[in-house]
Amino acid sequence: MDQVSIQYQSRTGNWTTVMVVQNLSPNIAIGMQSAARANPGCRVRAVDSAGRVVDIL
């Protein structure tokens, strides 16, 4: 199964990976919600192994 990186955008504009989850909708949603809570005010995205954006908050 494919892996998806959950990332947040720092104040400097760099994307930082905070976790890697399996490419399943519930896993991605939970990972993105967790990253958004841990990094308030920052954008959060999910990126697949090919570098494509799967979802963004």
C-alpha atoms as a PDB file:
ATOM      1  CA  MET A   1       0.000   0.000   0.000  1.00  0.00           C
ATOM      2  CA  ASP A   2       1.160   3.501  -0.837  1.00  0.00           C
ATOM      3  CA  GLN A   3       2.359   5.939   1.831  1.00  0.00           C
ATOM      4  CA  VAL A   4       1.226   9.555   2.304  1.00  0.00           C
ATOM      5  CA  SER A   5       3.247  12.244   4.095  1.00  0.00           C
ATOM      6  CA  ILE A   6       1.368  14.664   6.345  1.00  0.00           C
ATOM      7  CA  GLN A   7       3.089  18.061   6.273  1.00  0.00           C
ATOM      8  CA  TYR A   8       2.565  21.556   7.677  1.00  0.00           C
ATOM      9  CA  GLN A   9       3.837  24.846   6.284  1.00  0.00           C
ATOM     10  CA  SER A  10       6.052  26.723   8.725  1.00  0.00           C
ATOM     11  CA  ARG A  11       6.077  30.498   9.137  1.00  0.00           C
ATOM     12  CA  THR A  12       9.070  30.631   6.760  1.00  0.00           C
ATOM     13  CA  GLY A  13       7.080  28.873   4.011  1.00  0.00           C
ATOM     14  CA  ASN A  14       8.857  25.505   4.209  1.00  0.00           C
ATOM     15  CA  TRP A  15       6.829  22.283   4.301  1.00  0.00           C
ATOM     16  CA  THR A  16       7.790  19.946   7.171  1.00  0.00           C
ATOM     17  CA  THR A  17       6.740  16.287   7.347  1.00  0.00           C
ATOM     18  CA  VAL A  18       5.250  15.405  10.730  1.00  0.00           C
ATOM     19  CA  MET A  19       4.051  11.845  10.006  1.00  0.00           C
ATOM     20  CA  VAL A  20       3.659   9.206   7.312  1.00  0.00           C
ATOM     21  CA  VAL A  21       0.412   7.212   7.037  1.00  0.00           C
ATOM     22  CA  GLN A  22      -1.045   4.603   4.703  1.00  0.00           C
ATOM     23  CA  ASN A  23      -3.001   5.977   1.741  1.00  0.00           C
ATOM     24  CA  LEU A  24      -6.450   5.404   3.247  1.00  0.00           C
ATOM     25  CA  SER A  25      -8.976   8.235   3.659  1.00  0.00           C
ATOM     26  CA  PRO A  26      -9.547   7.796   7.420  1.00  0.00           C
ATOM     27  CA  ASN A  27      -5.795   7.692   8.120  1.00  0.00           C
ATOM     28  CA  ILE A  28      -5.173  10.835   6.052  1.00  0.00           C
ATOM     29  CA  ALA A  29      -8.049  12.735   7.700  1.00  0.00           C
ATOM     30  CA  ILE A  30      -6.935  11.814  11.240  1.00  0.00           C
ATOM     31  CA  GLY A  31      -3.300  12.660  10.439  1.00  0.00           C
ATOM     32  CA  MET A  32      -4.191  16.034   8.958  1.00  0.00           C
ATOM     33  CA  GLN A  33      -6.460  16.920  11.900  1.00  0.00           C
ATOM     34  CA  SER A  34      -3.713  15.968  14.337  1.00  0.00           C
ATOM     35  CA  ALA A  35      -1.125  18.064  12.473  1.00  0.00           C
ATOM     36  CA  ALA A  36      -3.516  21.034  12.334  1.00  0.00           C
ATOM     37  CA  ARG A  37      -4.101  20.862  16.109  1.00  0.00           C
ATOM     38  CA  ALA A  38      -0.364  20.609  16.811  1.00  0.00           C
ATOM     39  CA  ASN A  39       0.459  23.534  14.486  1.00  0.00           C
ATOM     40  CA  PRO A  40      -2.358  26.091  14.841  1.00  0.00           C
ATOM     41  CA  GLY A  41      -2.537  28.740  12.136  1.00  0.00           C
ATOM     42  CA  CYS A  42      -0.422  26.696   9.710  1.00  0.00           C
ATOM     43  CA  ARG A  43      -1.525  25.107   6.453  1.00  0.00           C
ATOM     44  CA  VAL A  44      -1.537  21.303   6.413  1.00  0.00           C
ATOM     45  CA  ARG A  45      -1.336  18.998   3.390  1.00  0.00           C
ATOM     46  CA  ALA A  46      -1.081  15.334   2.465  1.00  0.00           C
ATOM     47  CA  VAL A  47       1.412  14.363  -0.267  1.00  0.00           C
ATOM     48  CA  ASP A  48       1.718  10.920  -1.876  1.00  0.00           C
ATOM     49  CA  SER A  49       4.989   9.145  -2.677  1.00  0.00           C
ATOM     50  CA  ALA A  50       4.988  10.636  -6.206  1.00  0.00           C
ATOM     51  CA  GLY A  51       4.868  14.170  -4.782  1.00  0.00           C
ATOM     52  CA  ARG A  52       1.217  14.827  -5.688  1.00  0.00           C
ATOM     53  CA  VAL A  53      -0.931  16.779  -3.227  1.00  0.00           C
ATOM     54  CA  VAL A  54      -3.761  14.501  -2.068  1.00  0.00           C
ATOM     55  CA  ASP A  55      -5.505  16.974   0.272  1.00  0.00           C
ATOM     56  CA  ILE A  56      -4.834  20.380   1.840  1.00  0.00           C
ATOM     57  CA  LEU A  57      -6.306  22.384   4.738  1.00  0.00           C
END
